[in-house]
Protein backbone atom coordinates (compact mmCIF):
# COMPACT_ATOMS: atom_id res chain seq x y z
CA MET A 1 -10.94 -119.30 -43.56
CA SER A 2 -7.62 -120.67 -42.35
CA LYS A 3 -7.35 -122.27 -38.99
CA LYS A 4 -4.98 -119.46 -37.94
CA LEU A 5 -7.53 -116.76 -38.76
CA ILE A 6 -10.28 -118.68 -37.02
CA ALA A 7 -8.15 -118.91 -33.84
CA VAL A 8 -7.39 -115.17 -33.90
CA ALA A 9 -11.07 -114.30 -34.40
CA ALA A 10 -12.13 -116.59 -31.56
CA ALA A 11 -9.59 -115.04 -29.20
CA ALA A 12 -10.72 -111.53 -30.11
CA ALA A 13 -14.37 -112.41 -29.55
CA LEU A 14 -13.54 -113.94 -26.17
CA ALA A 15 -11.62 -110.83 -25.12
CA LEU A 16 -14.45 -108.55 -26.25
CA SER A 17 -17.06 -110.54 -24.38
CA ALA A 18 -14.97 -110.38 -21.17
CA LEU A 19 -14.60 -106.62 -21.55
CA VAL A 20 -18.32 -106.10 -22.02
CA ALA A 21 -19.23 -108.37 -19.07
CA ALA A 22 -16.75 -106.78 -16.63
CA PRO A 23 -18.46 -104.24 -14.31
CA ALA A 24 -17.20 -100.72 -14.18
CA THR A 25 -14.78 -100.05 -11.30
CA ALA A 26 -16.62 -98.35 -8.39
CA ALA A 27 -15.47 -94.88 -7.39
CA ALA A 28 -13.71 -94.55 -4.06
CA PHE A 29 -15.67 -93.14 -1.14
CA GLY A 30 -13.97 -90.07 0.32
CA VAL A 31 -14.23 -86.75 2.13
CA SER A 32 -12.39 -83.45 1.79
CA LEU A 33 -12.31 -80.48 4.16
CA ASN A 34 -12.69 -76.89 3.07
CA GLY A 35 -12.18 -73.62 4.90
CA ASP A 36 -9.77 -72.59 7.65
CA VAL A 37 -9.05 -76.03 9.11
CA GLY A 38 -5.56 -75.68 10.58
CA ALA A 39 -2.09 -76.61 9.39
CA GLY A 40 -0.04 -79.81 9.18
CA GLY A 41 -0.44 -83.26 7.72
CA ASN A 42 -3.41 -85.60 8.04
CA ILE A 43 -5.71 -82.81 9.16
CA GLY A 44 -8.89 -84.22 10.64
CA LEU A 45 -7.89 -87.88 10.37
CA THR A 46 -7.21 -88.37 14.10
CA SER A 47 -8.10 -86.54 17.32
CA ALA A 48 -4.41 -85.59 17.62
CA THR A 49 -4.47 -83.93 14.17
CA ALA A 50 -8.03 -82.62 14.42
CA ALA A 51 -9.14 -79.96 12.02
CA GLU A 52 -9.67 -76.61 13.75
CA ALA A 53 -12.43 -74.01 13.65
CA ASN A 54 -12.97 -70.90 15.70
CA LEU A 55 -15.50 -71.39 18.46
CA PRO A 56 -18.72 -69.45 17.79
CA THR A 57 -18.08 -67.11 20.71
CA GLN A 58 -20.29 -64.42 19.15
CA ASP A 59 -23.05 -66.97 18.49
CA VAL A 60 -22.46 -66.75 14.75
CA LEU A 61 -21.77 -69.61 12.31
CA ARG A 62 -19.65 -68.38 9.44
CA TYR A 63 -18.03 -70.31 6.60
CA ALA A 64 -14.92 -68.64 5.21
CA THR A 65 -13.26 -70.14 2.17
CA ALA A 66 -9.78 -68.64 2.56
CA ASP A 67 -7.33 -70.88 4.38
CA ALA A 68 -5.80 -67.89 6.10
CA THR A 69 -9.03 -66.58 7.55
CA THR A 70 -9.42 -65.95 11.28
CA THR A 71 -13.18 -65.47 11.17
CA GLY A 72 -14.53 -68.86 10.07
CA THR A 73 -16.42 -70.94 12.64
CA VAL A 74 -17.62 -73.66 10.21
CA VAL A 75 -15.82 -76.28 8.15
CA ARG A 76 -17.39 -77.64 4.94
CA VAL A 77 -16.99 -81.33 4.24
CA ASP A 78 -17.39 -82.44 0.63
CA VAL A 79 -18.27 -86.14 0.32
CA THR A 80 -17.67 -88.24 -2.80
CA THR A 81 -19.88 -91.36 -2.97
CA THR A 82 -19.19 -94.64 -4.77
CA ALA A 83 -21.91 -93.99 -7.35
CA ILE A 84 -24.35 -91.28 -8.38
CA ASP A 85 -27.62 -90.58 -6.53
CA LYS A 86 -26.62 -92.02 -3.14
CA THR A 87 -27.54 -91.02 0.40
CA VAL A 88 -24.90 -90.03 2.95
CA SER A 89 -25.52 -90.23 6.70
CA VAL A 90 -23.59 -88.28 9.34
CA THR A 91 -23.35 -88.77 13.11
CA THR A 92 -21.28 -86.62 15.46
CA THR A 93 -19.75 -86.87 18.91
CA GLY A 94 -18.45 -84.37 21.47
CA GLY A 95 -19.32 -80.76 20.79
CA VAL A 96 -19.53 -81.26 17.01
CA LYS A 97 -22.79 -80.49 15.18
CA VAL A 98 -23.63 -80.91 11.49
CA LEU A 99 -25.90 -79.23 8.95
CA THR A 100 -26.72 -80.44 5.44
CA ALA A 101 -26.02 -78.18 2.45
CA ALA A 102 -29.75 -77.55 2.12
CA GLN A 103 -30.00 -76.47 5.74
CA TRP A 104 -26.99 -74.22 5.37
CA ALA A 105 -28.50 -72.56 2.33
CA SER A 106 -31.91 -72.10 3.92
CA SER A 107 -32.81 -68.69 5.30
CA ALA A 108 -35.14 -70.45 7.73
CA VAL A 109 -32.17 -71.97 9.57
CA ALA A 110 -30.50 -69.49 11.93
CA LYS A 111 -26.73 -69.62 11.76
CA LYS A 112 -26.32 -69.79 15.52
CA SER A 113 -24.41 -71.99 17.97
CA THR A 114 -27.66 -73.80 18.77
CA ALA A 115 -28.14 -74.87 15.12
CA GLY A 116 -27.20 -78.22 13.69
CA ALA A 117 -27.78 -81.76 14.90
CA THR A 118 -25.82 -84.83 15.93
CA SER A 119 -27.34 -86.96 13.15
CA VAL A 120 -28.45 -86.08 9.58
CA SER A 121 -28.81 -87.70 6.18
CA ALA A 122 -28.78 -86.15 2.70
CA ALA A 123 -28.74 -87.33 -0.90
CA THR A 124 -26.10 -86.36 -3.39
CA GLU A 125 -27.03 -83.72 -5.88
CA THR A 126 -29.20 -85.30 -8.60
CA GLY A 127 -27.09 -87.14 -11.14
CA THR A 128 -23.86 -86.64 -9.22
CA ASP A 129 -21.71 -88.45 -6.69
CA GLY A 130 -21.21 -85.37 -4.42
CA ALA A 131 -22.81 -84.06 -1.26
CA ALA A 132 -21.72 -81.27 1.07
CA PHE A 133 -22.12 -80.85 4.82
CA TYR A 134 -21.13 -78.11 7.28
CA ILE A 135 -19.73 -78.96 10.72
CA PHE A 136 -18.84 -76.79 13.72
CA THR A 137 -18.06 -77.33 17.37
CA THR A 138 -18.52 -75.66 20.76
CA SER A 139 -15.70 -77.64 22.45
CA THR A 140 -11.93 -77.29 22.54
CA THR A 141 -11.74 -81.08 22.93
CA ALA A 142 -11.72 -82.87 19.60
CA GLY A 143 -15.03 -84.41 18.61
CA SER A 144 -15.88 -86.38 15.49
CA ALA A 145 -18.21 -86.50 12.51
CA VAL A 146 -18.64 -89.92 10.88
CA PHE A 147 -19.77 -89.96 7.22
CA THR A 148 -21.24 -93.22 5.89
CA GLN A 149 -22.73 -94.51 2.64
CA ASP A 150 -23.59 -98.12 1.82
CA GLY A 151 -21.14 -99.53 4.30
CA ASN A 152 -18.37 -97.06 3.48
CA SER A 153 -17.25 -94.79 6.27
CA ARG A 154 -14.88 -91.89 6.93
CA THR A 155 -14.33 -90.02 10.19
CA VAL A 156 -13.40 -86.36 10.52
CA TYR A 157 -12.16 -84.91 13.83
CA LEU A 158 -12.78 -81.28 14.72
CA ALA A 159 -11.65 -79.15 17.67
CA GLY A 160 -12.60 -75.56 18.58
CA ILE A 161 -9.96 -72.89 19.07
CA ASN A 162 -9.74 -69.34 20.43
CA PRO A 163 -12.07 -69.46 23.43
CA VAL A 164 -13.01 -66.07 24.88
CA ALA A 165 -13.26 -65.45 28.64
CA TYR A 166 -16.89 -65.28 29.78
CA ASN A 167 -17.17 -66.77 33.24
CA LEU A 168 -15.01 -66.53 36.38
CA ASN A 169 -15.39 -69.71 38.49
CA PHE A 170 -13.33 -69.41 41.69
CA SER A 171 -13.68 -70.33 45.37
CA THR A 172 -11.76 -69.89 48.60
CA SER A 173 -11.81 -71.09 52.19
CA ALA A 174 -14.04 -69.28 54.72
CA THR A 175 -11.14 -68.43 57.04
CA ALA A 176 -7.56 -67.19 56.80
CA GLU A 177 -4.71 -66.46 59.18
CA ILE A 178 -3.72 -62.91 60.16
CA ASP A 179 -0.68 -61.85 58.17
CA GLY A 180 -1.19 -64.92 55.97
CA ASP A 181 -2.70 -65.34 52.52
CA ILE A 182 -6.17 -65.87 51.18
CA GLU A 183 -5.83 -68.71 48.68
CA ILE A 184 -8.21 -68.69 45.73
CA THR A 185 -8.63 -71.57 43.25
CA GLY A 186 -10.73 -71.95 40.10
CA ASN A 187 -10.85 -71.40 36.40
CA VAL A 188 -11.89 -69.05 33.61
CA THR A 189 -14.25 -70.49 31.01
CA ASP A 190 -15.85 -69.37 27.80
CA ALA A 191 -19.59 -69.27 27.30
CA PHE A 192 -19.59 -72.99 26.35
CA GLY A 193 -17.78 -74.10 29.50
CA ASN A 194 -14.33 -74.63 27.95
CA LYS A 195 -11.52 -73.88 30.40
CA ILE A 196 -9.04 -71.31 29.16
CA THR A 197 -5.47 -72.55 29.56
CA GLY A 198 -2.19 -70.71 29.43
CA ILE A 199 -3.23 -67.56 31.29
CA THR A 200 -0.30 -65.87 32.96
CA ALA A 201 -0.67 -63.86 36.15
CA PRO A 202 -2.96 -60.85 35.65
CA GLY A 203 -1.04 -57.64 35.99
CA THR A 204 1.86 -58.93 33.89
CA SER A 205 1.64 -60.20 30.33
CA LEU A 206 -1.68 -61.89 29.59
CA SER A 207 -2.33 -64.80 27.27
CA PRO A 208 -3.91 -63.63 23.98
CA VAL A 209 -7.09 -65.62 24.69
CA PHE A 210 -7.63 -63.78 27.96
CA VAL A 211 -7.58 -60.18 26.86
CA ASP A 212 -9.25 -58.73 29.94
CA PRO A 213 -6.99 -58.37 32.97
CA MET A 214 -8.63 -59.90 36.03
CA THR A 215 -8.45 -57.35 38.83
CA VAL A 216 -8.94 -57.73 42.59
CA GLN A 217 -11.15 -55.54 44.71
CA ALA A 218 -10.89 -55.79 48.47
CA PHE A 219 -12.60 -54.43 51.58
CA GLY A 220 -11.65 -54.76 55.22
CA GLY A 221 -7.91 -54.74 54.82
CA ALA A 222 -7.39 -57.63 52.39
CA GLY A 223 -4.78 -57.26 49.70
CA THR A 224 -5.52 -56.08 46.15
CA THR A 225 -2.54 -57.68 44.39
CA ILE A 226 -2.55 -61.19 42.96
CA GLY A 227 0.44 -63.23 43.99
CA ASP A 228 1.80 -66.80 43.57
CA TRP A 229 -0.18 -67.44 40.40
CA GLU A 230 0.03 -71.09 39.29
CA GLU A 231 -1.74 -73.27 36.76
CA ALA A 232 -2.17 -76.97 37.52
CA VAL A 233 -0.76 -79.38 34.90
CA ASP A 234 -1.56 -82.93 33.88
CA ALA A 235 0.76 -85.95 33.69
CA ASP A 236 2.18 -84.64 30.43
CA ASP A 237 2.91 -81.23 32.01
CA VAL A 238 0.15 -79.59 29.99
CA GLY A 239 -1.89 -76.84 31.62
CA THR A 240 -5.35 -77.92 32.78
CA GLY A 241 -6.90 -74.45 33.10
CA THR A 242 -7.23 -74.64 36.91
CA TYR A 243 -5.46 -71.77 38.68
CA THR A 244 -4.44 -71.10 42.26
CA PHE A 245 -3.32 -67.71 43.48
CA THR A 246 -3.19 -65.65 46.65
CA VAL A 247 -3.97 -62.21 48.01
CA THR A 248 -2.78 -61.05 51.45
CA ALA A 249 -5.20 -61.41 54.34
CA GLY A 250 -3.98 -58.30 56.19
CA ASP A 251 -2.75 -57.82 59.75
CA THR A 252 -6.08 -57.29 61.50
CA ALA A 253 -8.77 -59.74 62.41
CA GLY A 254 -12.28 -59.52 60.97
CA ALA A 255 -14.30 -60.06 57.83
CA LYS A 256 -12.50 -59.37 54.56
CA ILE A 257 -14.28 -59.06 51.22
CA VAL A 258 -12.33 -60.04 48.10
CA GLY A 259 -13.78 -59.58 44.60
CA LEU A 260 -12.49 -60.69 41.21
CA THR A 261 -13.57 -58.81 38.11
CA SER A 262 -13.00 -59.23 34.39
CA ALA A 263 -14.22 -55.76 33.55
CA ASN A 264 -14.39 -55.84 29.75
CA THR A 265 -16.31 -59.08 29.19
CA THR A 266 -18.91 -58.49 26.49
CA LYS A 267 -22.35 -60.02 26.96
CA VAL A 268 -23.74 -62.11 24.11
CA THR A 269 -27.46 -62.31 24.81
CA ALA A 270 -27.98 -65.77 23.35
CA LEU A 271 -25.13 -67.16 25.45
CA GLY A 272 -26.46 -65.89 28.77
CA THR A 273 -25.22 -63.34 31.28
CA PRO A 274 -21.46 -63.59 31.81
CA LYS A 275 -20.15 -64.23 35.31
CA SER A 276 -17.55 -61.48 35.16
CA THR A 277 -17.55 -60.64 38.87
CA VAL A 278 -17.36 -62.85 41.97
CA TYR A 279 -16.99 -61.89 45.65
CA PHE A 280 -15.83 -63.85 48.69
CA SER A 281 -16.26 -63.14 52.40
CA VAL A 282 -13.34 -64.41 54.45
CA ASN A 283 -13.00 -64.37 58.23
CA VAL A 284 -9.40 -63.44 59.09
CA ALA A 285 -8.28 -64.40 62.57
CA SER A 286 -5.30 -65.64 64.54
CA LEU A 287 -5.33 -69.41 64.45
CA ALA A 288 -3.38 -69.49 67.73
CA ALA A 289 -6.01 -67.31 69.38
CA GLN A 290 -8.72 -69.56 67.99
CA VAL A 291 -7.00 -72.63 69.43
CA THR A 292 -6.73 -70.93 72.83
CA ALA A 293 -10.40 -69.96 72.71
CA LEU A 294 -11.48 -73.45 71.72
CA THR A 295 -9.31 -74.98 74.43
CA ALA A 296 -11.00 -72.73 77.00
CA GLN A 297 -14.42 -73.72 75.68
CA VAL A 298 -13.56 -77.42 75.97
CA ALA A 299 -12.33 -76.89 79.55
CA ALA A 300 -15.53 -75.08 80.45
CA LEU A 301 -17.67 -77.78 78.91
CA THR A 302 -15.65 -80.42 80.79
CA THR A 303 -16.25 -78.61 84.07
CA ASP A 304 -19.98 -78.40 83.38
CA TYR A 305 -20.11 -82.06 82.47
CA ASN A 306 -18.27 -83.14 85.58
CA ALA A 307 -20.61 -81.08 87.77
CA LEU A 308 -23.62 -82.77 86.17
CA ALA A 309 -21.97 -86.16 86.43
CA ALA A 310 -21.33 -85.62 90.13
CA LYS A 311 -24.99 -84.81 90.72
CA TRP A 312 -26.07 -87.88 88.75
CA ASN A 313 -23.75 -90.13 90.70
CA LYS A 314 -25.05 -88.67 93.95
CA ARG A 315 -28.60 -89.57 92.91
CA VAL A 316 -27.44 -93.06 92.02
CA ALA A 317 -25.89 -93.42 95.46
CA SER A 318 -29.10 -92.24 97.08
CA LYS A 319 -31.09 -94.86 95.15
CA THR A 320 -33.36 -92.23 93.54
CA ALA A 321 -32.15 -93.07 90.05
CA PRO A 322 -31.01 -96.14 88.13
CA LYS A 323 -27.86 -97.64 89.66
CA LYS A 324 -25.46 -96.83 86.89
CA LYS A 325 -22.73 -94.31 87.57
CA VAL A 326 -21.04 -92.28 84.84
CA ALA A 327 -17.31 -91.60 84.57
CA LEU A 328 -15.84 -88.15 85.09
CA LYS A 329 -13.86 -86.50 82.33
């Protein structure tokens, strides 16, 4: 064999040995979201671009495959591992909960808002590099689900949308001025405690998420019309879900009863009894008259004190008590 052929054969053998010895390139670890998860780029990659799912306001977990659905409350996450027959672990934060594919398929697991866990693990399907999980949330604030496998990690952010009014949480002061206003402050929350933002004054156009007009009932001469409705905002001028409004106190003194009612709130047994009605008792009086009355009370108490002080000082002078006089007011 010529030296040239020997050199070519040697080079080919070396190349073949290198090819055989080189390990196969590992598959990339990744996750993909399925279902109605919102619109826009980088969905679920950050809290600002969190995937979205309807809150389970009817205490039902439902996976809907169509992107345009308005009924889905669960997002499916398909995980691709770096090799076949691997185990994936998931931990969640915030209001996010997770179920494995086996749990989701099991008839023994109720598809309710109390289902799921904050930590699960599951193997890929036998002989494959894929595993599926189902996540949902009970919070409008973005929470996360972290998927890990052999040191690889991906985080998915999820936020709940479309809260439904369930509880009225308001308070007011115990007194009000005649011909003034009774000021009421508070919020409207869903069954999971999420504040509902963007509600406009009841009696005008209502925000779509607050479909039941909040009405005012009053006894004792208080007003029945909501006025000066205002939502507090944060530093970025975004509504916080805390509202302040007024009703008139009336022109006569006495106890006034003011009630707020969201009449059409539907009870969901598993979520507890809704707080759809709240009443306040307010004492309406003239503040000027109260000041005059208090001034008179102070004057009377001062007179009584001075009379007692004079008697005490007289006893001190007569040496029938310790020799320490007190000052008059």
